[in-house]
Protein backbone atom coordinates (compact mmCIF):
# COMPACT_ATOMS: atom_id res chain seq x y z
CA MET A 1 91.48 81.03 91.59
CA CYS A 2 89.11 81.96 88.60
CA LYS A 3 91.77 80.43 86.18
CA LEU A 4 91.83 77.22 88.31
CA ALA A 5 88.02 77.00 88.81
CA GLU A 6 87.64 77.03 85.19
CA ALA A 7 90.18 74.53 84.34
CA LEU A 8 89.07 72.15 86.82
CA ALA A 9 85.29 72.27 85.64
CA ARG A 10 86.67 72.03 82.11
CA HIS A 11 89.02 69.39 83.17
CA GLU A 12 92.15 71.24 81.26
CA PRO A 13 95.33 70.58 82.43
CA LEU A 14 96.77 72.42 85.45
CA ASP A 15 100.46 73.25 83.76
CA ASP A 16 99.96 76.84 82.61
CA ILE A 17 98.18 78.23 86.10
CA GLU A 18 100.89 80.87 87.64
CA GLY A 19 101.35 80.63 91.05
CA ILE A 20 100.10 77.12 92.05
CA SER A 21 101.34 73.85 93.27
CA TYR A 22 99.53 70.37 92.94
CA LYS A 23 100.17 66.70 92.72
CA LEU A 24 99.91 64.60 89.71
CA ASN A 25 100.31 61.05 89.46
CA GLY A 26 102.06 61.12 92.96
CA LYS A 27 104.21 63.82 91.92
CA ILE A 28 104.63 67.23 93.42
CA ILE A 29 104.48 69.97 90.77
CA SER A 30 105.19 73.72 91.65
CA ASN A 31 104.10 76.30 88.58
CA LYS A 32 105.84 79.47 88.28
CA PRO A 33 104.86 82.05 90.49
CA ARG A 34 102.37 84.48 89.91
CA ASP A 35 103.46 87.63 89.83
CA LEU A 36 102.16 90.84 91.87
CA ARG A 37 99.54 92.68 90.08
CA ASP A 38 98.62 96.54 90.66
CA ILE A 39 95.87 96.00 92.56
CA ASN A 40 94.51 99.19 90.72
CA THR A 41 93.70 96.81 87.99
CA LEU A 42 91.28 94.64 89.73
CA LYS A 43 87.66 94.97 89.59
CA PRO A 44 86.54 97.12 92.57
CA VAL A 45 84.99 94.86 95.55
CA SER A 46 81.38 94.34 94.93
CA PHE A 47 80.08 94.53 98.50
CA ASP A 48 76.58 93.10 97.59
CA LEU A 49 78.09 89.68 97.40
CA LEU A 50 79.53 89.50 100.92
CA GLU A 51 77.40 89.07 104.15
CA MET A 52 78.95 92.33 105.65
CA GLU A 53 77.55 92.20 108.86
CA ARG A 54 79.49 89.20 109.22
CA TYR A 55 82.38 91.44 109.46
CA ILE A 56 81.31 94.51 111.79
CA PHE A 57 82.30 94.78 115.30
CA GLU A 58 81.79 97.02 117.71
CA GLY A 59 85.65 98.16 119.18
CA PRO A 60 87.72 100.86 120.43
CA LEU A 61 87.22 102.98 117.03
CA GLY A 62 83.90 102.58 116.74
CA LYS A 63 80.44 100.72 117.26
CA ARG A 64 80.77 99.50 113.25
CA SER A 65 83.91 99.01 112.57
CA ILE A 66 85.63 96.56 110.13
CA PHE A 67 89.00 95.44 109.12
CA TRP A 68 89.87 96.70 105.88
CA ASN A 69 92.89 96.06 103.25
CA SER A 70 94.43 98.63 100.91
CA SER A 71 97.64 97.18 99.70
CA GLN A 72 99.48 94.25 99.95
CA GLY A 73 103.20 93.14 100.49
CA CYS A 74 106.15 95.62 101.83
CA PRO A 75 109.70 96.54 100.35
CA TYR A 76 111.53 95.44 104.07
CA HIS A 77 113.43 92.30 104.87
CA CYS A 78 113.01 91.92 108.55
CA GLY A 79 114.29 88.99 109.43
CA PHE A 80 111.30 87.08 111.25
CA CYS A 81 109.01 87.86 108.71
CA SER A 82 107.46 85.56 105.85
CA THR A 83 105.91 88.66 103.84
CA ALA A 84 109.20 89.37 101.89
CA ALA A 85 109.44 85.80 100.70
CA VAL A 86 105.50 85.89 99.63
CA TYR A 87 105.73 89.45 97.79
CA ARG A 88 109.55 89.17 97.03
CA ARG A 89 109.46 93.01 98.63
CA ARG A 90 106.96 94.21 96.30
CA TRP A 91 104.19 96.33 97.04
CA SER A 92 100.81 97.38 95.44
CA GLY A 93 98.35 99.92 97.14
CA LEU A 94 95.17 101.34 96.17
CA ASN A 95 95.38 104.83 94.96
CA ALA A 96 93.57 107.27 97.34
CA ALA A 97 90.63 107.89 95.16
CA SER A 98 89.48 104.56 95.06
CA LEU A 99 90.35 104.03 98.85
CA LEU A 100 88.35 106.68 99.37
CA GLY A 101 85.52 105.65 97.29
CA GLN A 102 85.24 102.43 99.58
CA ILE A 103 85.23 103.86 102.97
CA LYS A 104 82.45 106.42 101.35
CA LYS A 105 80.27 103.52 100.39
CA LEU A 106 81.09 101.31 103.95
CA ALA A 107 79.94 104.70 105.58
CA SER A 108 76.96 105.30 104.00
CA ASP A 109 75.66 101.77 103.05
CA TYR A 110 76.76 99.96 106.24
CA ASN A 111 77.32 102.88 108.61
CA ILE A 112 80.69 101.74 109.26
CA ASP A 113 82.29 104.47 111.81
CA GLY A 114 85.66 102.60 112.43
CA ILE A 115 88.20 101.11 110.18
CA ALA A 116 91.63 99.12 110.99
CA PHE A 117 93.70 98.70 107.81
CA ALA A 118 94.93 95.31 108.39
CA GLU A 119 97.94 95.35 106.10
CA ASP A 120 101.56 94.79 105.84
CA ASN A 121 102.62 98.20 105.31
CA PHE A 122 100.07 101.11 105.45
CA PHE A 123 102.58 103.59 104.77
CA VAL A 124 105.19 102.79 102.01
CA ASP A 125 103.46 105.75 99.56
CA VAL A 126 103.21 108.64 101.87
CA ARG A 127 101.86 110.80 99.48
CA ARG A 128 99.11 108.09 99.02
CA VAL A 129 98.10 108.57 102.83
CA GLU A 130 98.23 112.45 102.53
CA GLU A 131 95.84 112.75 99.71
CA LEU A 132 93.42 109.63 101.77
CA CYS A 133 93.54 111.98 104.74
CA ARG A 134 92.91 115.47 102.87
CA GLY A 135 89.97 113.92 101.09
CA LEU A 136 88.15 112.21 104.23
CA ILE A 137 88.71 115.98 105.90
CA LYS A 138 87.06 117.51 102.67
CA ASN A 139 84.54 115.32 102.79
CA LYS A 140 83.44 114.94 106.41
CA THR A 141 84.14 111.52 106.86
CA LYS A 142 83.07 110.85 110.34
CA ILE A 143 85.51 107.82 110.17
CA LYS A 144 88.01 106.93 113.14
CA TRP A 145 90.60 104.53 111.82
CA ALA A 146 93.88 102.81 112.71
CA SER A 147 96.72 101.19 110.54
CA ASP A 148 100.07 99.71 110.69
CA ALA A 149 103.17 101.75 110.83
CA ARG A 150 107.53 101.50 111.13
CA ILE A 151 109.47 103.32 113.53
CA ASP A 152 111.84 104.52 111.07
CA GLN A 153 108.41 105.92 108.74
CA ILE A 154 107.07 107.81 111.60
CA ASN A 155 110.26 109.17 112.90
CA ARG A 156 110.59 111.07 109.58
CA PHE A 157 106.63 112.62 109.36
CA SER A 158 106.51 116.10 109.72
CA GLY A 159 104.12 117.87 112.24
CA GLU A 160 102.21 119.16 109.99
CA PHE A 161 101.59 115.47 108.28
CA MET A 162 101.04 114.12 111.83
CA CYS A 163 98.22 117.06 112.41
CA LEU A 164 96.59 115.60 109.36
CA LEU A 165 96.67 112.07 110.35
CA LYS A 166 94.76 113.27 113.68
CA GLU A 167 92.43 115.75 111.79
CA SER A 168 91.60 112.74 109.21
CA GLY A 169 90.77 110.56 111.97
CA CYS A 170 93.65 108.78 112.84
CA ARG A 171 93.47 106.98 116.42
CA LYS A 172 95.87 104.40 116.69
CA LEU A 173 99.23 102.79 115.26
CA TYR A 174 100.02 99.59 115.18
CA ILE A 175 104.40 99.64 115.36
CA GLY A 176 106.77 96.79 115.54
CA ALA A 177 109.05 97.52 118.00
CA GLU A 178 110.23 93.92 118.01
CA SER A 179 112.58 94.23 120.58
CA GLY A 180 114.13 96.07 123.37
CA ASP A 181 117.50 94.69 122.94
CA GLN A 182 119.58 96.76 120.28
CA GLU A 183 121.50 93.32 119.32
CA THR A 184 118.35 91.68 118.46
CA LEU A 185 117.25 94.70 116.18
CA ASP A 186 120.50 93.99 114.40
CA LEU A 187 120.11 90.67 114.27
CA ILE A 188 116.85 91.35 112.65
CA ASP A 189 117.79 93.79 110.07
CA LYS A 190 115.16 95.87 111.43
CA LYS A 191 117.26 99.23 110.89
CA ILE A 192 116.20 101.41 113.97
CA ARG A 193 117.91 102.03 116.66
CA LEU A 194 116.25 101.45 120.58
CA GLU A 195 116.05 105.41 121.33
CA ASP A 196 113.76 105.64 117.58
CA THR A 197 111.31 103.59 119.58
CA TYR A 198 111.31 106.13 122.61
CA LYS A 199 111.26 108.72 120.20
CA THR A 200 108.34 107.52 118.00
CA ALA A 201 106.57 106.84 121.77
CA GLU A 202 107.09 110.31 122.63
CA LYS A 203 106.08 111.96 119.25
CA LEU A 204 102.66 109.84 119.15
CA ASP A 205 101.75 110.80 122.54
CA SER A 206 102.43 114.34 121.70
CA HIS A 207 99.80 114.22 118.69
CA LYS A 208 97.42 112.09 120.66
CA ILE A 209 97.63 109.21 118.72
CA ILE A 210 97.81 105.82 120.68
CA SER A 211 100.45 103.21 119.74
CA GLU A 212 100.03 99.69 120.33
CA PHE A 213 103.71 98.44 120.23
CA PHE A 214 104.01 94.80 119.06
CA ILE A 215 107.33 92.75 120.84
CA ILE A 216 108.41 89.64 119.56
CA VAL A 217 110.77 87.61 121.97
CA GLY A 218 112.20 84.23 122.18
CA PHE A 219 114.58 84.91 119.46
CA PRO A 220 117.15 82.44 118.73
CA LEU A 221 120.06 84.39 120.26
CA ASN A 222 120.44 85.79 123.34
CA PRO A 223 116.24 84.91 124.40
CA GLU A 224 116.99 85.72 127.88
CA LYS A 225 118.76 88.84 127.60
CA ASP A 226 115.84 90.01 124.70
CA LEU A 227 113.27 89.42 126.92
CA LYS A 228 115.04 91.05 129.91
CA ASN A 229 115.71 94.22 127.91
CA SER A 230 112.19 94.06 126.10
CA LEU A 231 110.67 94.37 129.41
CA GLU A 232 112.15 96.99 130.57
CA LEU A 233 111.33 98.90 127.04
CA ILE A 234 107.45 98.28 128.06
CA LYS A 235 108.29 99.34 131.68
CA LYS A 236 110.02 102.78 130.62
CA ILE A 237 107.32 103.57 127.91
CA LYS A 238 104.37 102.09 130.08
CA LEU A 239 105.65 104.68 132.96
CA ARG A 240 106.02 107.97 130.79
CA TYR A 241 103.07 107.42 128.46
CA PRO A 242 100.83 104.79 129.96
CA ASP A 243 98.28 104.97 126.67
CA HIS A 244 100.11 103.20 124.91
CA GLN A 245 99.89 99.50 124.47
CA PHE A 246 101.96 96.77 124.19
CA THR A 247 101.35 93.14 122.93
CA ALA A 248 104.21 90.36 122.82
CA PHE A 249 104.70 87.26 120.84
CA LEU A 250 106.93 84.72 120.37
CA TYR A 251 109.18 84.21 117.42
CA THR A 252 108.16 81.21 115.16
CA PRO A 253 110.46 80.71 112.31
CA TYR A 254 108.62 80.31 108.70
CA PRO A 255 110.01 79.34 105.59
CA GLY A 256 111.95 81.94 103.03
CA THR A 257 112.65 84.00 106.31
CA PRO A 258 116.47 85.21 107.00
CA LEU A 259 116.09 83.93 110.50
CA LEU A 260 115.17 80.27 109.58
CA ASP A 261 118.93 78.94 108.92
CA LEU A 262 119.78 80.20 112.49
CA ALA A 263 116.82 78.81 114.17
CA VAL A 264 117.79 75.21 112.40
CA LYS A 265 121.48 75.76 113.71
CA LYS A 266 119.96 76.50 117.19
CA GLY A 267 118.16 72.81 116.81
CA PHE A 268 114.81 73.99 115.60
CA VAL A 269 113.54 71.16 113.62
CA ILE A 270 111.37 72.09 110.36
CA PRO A 271 108.25 70.06 109.91
CA LYS A 272 108.20 67.62 107.38
CA THR A 273 104.24 67.69 106.09
CA LEU A 274 101.88 70.43 105.88
CA GLU A 275 100.07 68.95 109.14
CA GLY A 276 103.41 69.62 110.90
CA TRP A 277 102.93 73.65 110.06
CA SER A 278 99.02 73.75 110.77
CA ASP A 279 99.20 74.55 114.69
CA TRP A 280 101.76 77.01 113.93
CA SER A 281 101.34 80.25 116.05
CA ILE A 282 102.92 83.38 117.11
CA LEU A 283 101.27 82.73 120.44
CA SER A 284 102.57 79.23 121.24
CA VAL A 285 105.83 77.55 121.83
CA ASN A 286 107.32 76.30 118.65
CA THR A 287 110.88 76.56 119.43
CA PRO A 288 113.62 74.35 121.23
CA TRP A 289 115.18 77.53 123.19
CA ILE A 290 111.94 78.65 125.38
CA ASP A 291 109.59 76.76 127.14
CA LYS A 292 105.96 77.60 128.77
CA LYS A 293 107.80 79.21 131.72
CA TYR A 294 109.38 82.01 129.54
CA LEU A 295 105.88 82.32 127.69
CA ASP A 296 104.35 82.76 130.97
CA THR A 297 106.57 84.93 132.20
CA VAL A 298 106.15 87.32 128.68
CA ASN A 299 102.69 87.63 129.31
CA MET A 300 103.07 87.94 133.33
CA TYR A 301 104.44 91.29 132.77
CA SER A 302 102.87 92.23 129.68
CA LYS A 303 99.09 91.47 130.09
CA CYS A 304 99.21 92.01 134.07
CA PHE A 305 102.16 93.76 135.77
CA TYR A 306 103.09 96.49 133.71
CA LEU A 307 99.62 97.06 132.28
CA LEU A 308 97.85 97.62 135.64
CA ALA A 309 100.44 99.50 137.32
CA PHE A 310 100.52 102.34 134.30
CA PRO A 311 96.83 102.11 133.37
CA SER A 312 95.79 103.53 130.20
CA ALA A 313 93.00 106.11 130.19
CA SER A 314 90.31 103.89 129.38
CA LEU A 315 91.47 101.55 132.30
CA ARG A 316 91.61 104.62 134.68
CA SER A 317 87.69 104.86 133.63
CA SER A 318 87.20 101.26 134.50
CA PHE A 319 87.81 102.08 138.45
CA LYS A 320 84.77 103.53 138.69
CA LYS A 321 82.57 100.88 137.39
CA GLY A 322 81.33 99.65 140.97
CA PHE A 323 82.28 95.63 142.02
CA ILE A 324 85.10 95.52 138.91
CA GLY A 325 85.90 98.67 138.94
CA LEU A 326 86.98 97.95 142.46
CA VAL A 327 88.75 95.04 141.47
CA TYR A 328 90.44 96.61 138.49
CA PHE A 329 91.88 99.54 141.09
CA VAL A 330 93.03 97.07 143.98
CA LEU A 331 94.78 95.05 141.12
CA HIS A 332 96.38 98.54 139.78
CA LYS A 333 97.53 98.83 143.48
CA LEU A 334 99.07 95.85 143.89
CA ALA A 335 100.78 96.26 140.82
CA GLY A 336 102.29 99.46 141.20
CA PHE A 337 103.85 98.30 144.42
CA ARG A 338 105.30 95.05 142.89
CA VAL A 339 106.63 97.15 140.05
CA LYS A 340 108.08 100.15 142.36
CA ASN A 341 109.12 97.37 145.02
CA ASN A 342 111.31 95.00 142.11
CA PHE A 343 109.00 92.26 144.04
CA PHE A 344 107.32 89.71 141.58
CA ALA A 345 107.47 86.57 143.81
CA LEU A 346 103.85 84.63 144.66
CA PRO A 347 102.17 86.47 141.69
CA LEU A 348 98.65 84.71 142.99
CA GLU A 349 97.17 87.71 141.22
CA TRP A 350 98.32 86.65 137.56
CA LYS A 351 96.87 82.77 138.19
CA LEU A 352 93.90 84.37 139.05
CA ILE A 353 94.10 87.09 136.05
CA LYS A 354 94.35 83.41 133.63
CA ILE A 355 91.91 81.65 135.45
CA PHE A 356 89.78 84.55 134.42
CA TYR A 357 90.64 84.84 130.73
CA LYS A 358 90.29 80.88 130.61
CA LEU A 359 86.91 81.25 131.51
CA LYS A 360 86.01 83.78 129.48
CA ILE A 361 87.42 82.41 126.16
CA ARG A 362 85.82 78.49 126.88
CA PHE A 363 82.54 79.59 128.12
CA ASN A 364 82.27 83.01 127.13
CA VAL A 365 81.30 84.22 130.60
CA PHE A 366 82.18 87.68 131.97
CA LYS A 367 81.48 89.01 128.13
CA ASN A 368 80.91 92.34 129.41
CA ILE A 369 84.17 93.08 130.94
CA GLU A 370 86.89 94.71 129.01
CA SER A 371 90.19 93.25 128.64
CA PHE A 372 92.90 95.06 130.26
CA ARG A 373 93.99 97.76 128.18
């Protein structure tokens, strides 16, 4: 970015700037890709250049939480993920000493009490994480934190390491379970078995670390079967470990991903313009083999029936909050009846919940009412 800005300011040619594409005399030119640099060679973040209050929010981790990145890239090659195409399966992470320094400054200068490490693969270098945890404990840093993690990584962690995570302030892990269908897991090259997901849920629950499992539905191979088995996965884990959470997304084809060719064979049309890609979203329908009814089914079960039938501790505590607590409790009982009797006809409560969320988002009403969790 600096080289581009300097070249533009000096009216110099752009042909030696790696990692950019541009149009010259009507022709699109793509320069050589820029290599991934070790981020430890970059200058430290200058907090004073940022309007830090714009990035601070109240959330489950703390009253003054922030999203933070300590690494970039990922060595894995999941069939739906564009990270491998962007970073060519490479990874670079900030060393523990530098990261500890950043966290100390965030805590002391900006009163940050919660950090969500929002990156592609936080645990690639386990020694780095172990050193970070020991440093947080040694320095008595009062920070609660969360990060992403792979199922196969967690299942390799020792009991001692899990205790270290908990003691250092780890309260939540975001986990790509992706599917409850083994055929789909093999298709996307996730390198896990379905039983590994259940093992992870049990392991995290035993160490009192909440997981938020990410599920992707609508893959181009047997989407109905995949949805059925993924919903069954959610139901079984929520039944046994209600504090674990689930968020469902729709499979969305991206350039450079292994599944793109299969998506095209199944009828997906690749956008021809940048404008065609501009409204791409993992929350909206972009493929021809699923429709809005499919999406509504996903949300109805994951965001309503299973979530309310097996409430987390935070949701159970909401039952005591006056009128809205009574509403939650009634919805919980109704969802429990539906799940127990496998009766999901006439889902009027789901229609009302959708109206509630639309009003909340559009007009910012009910802003003091928490989302179901």
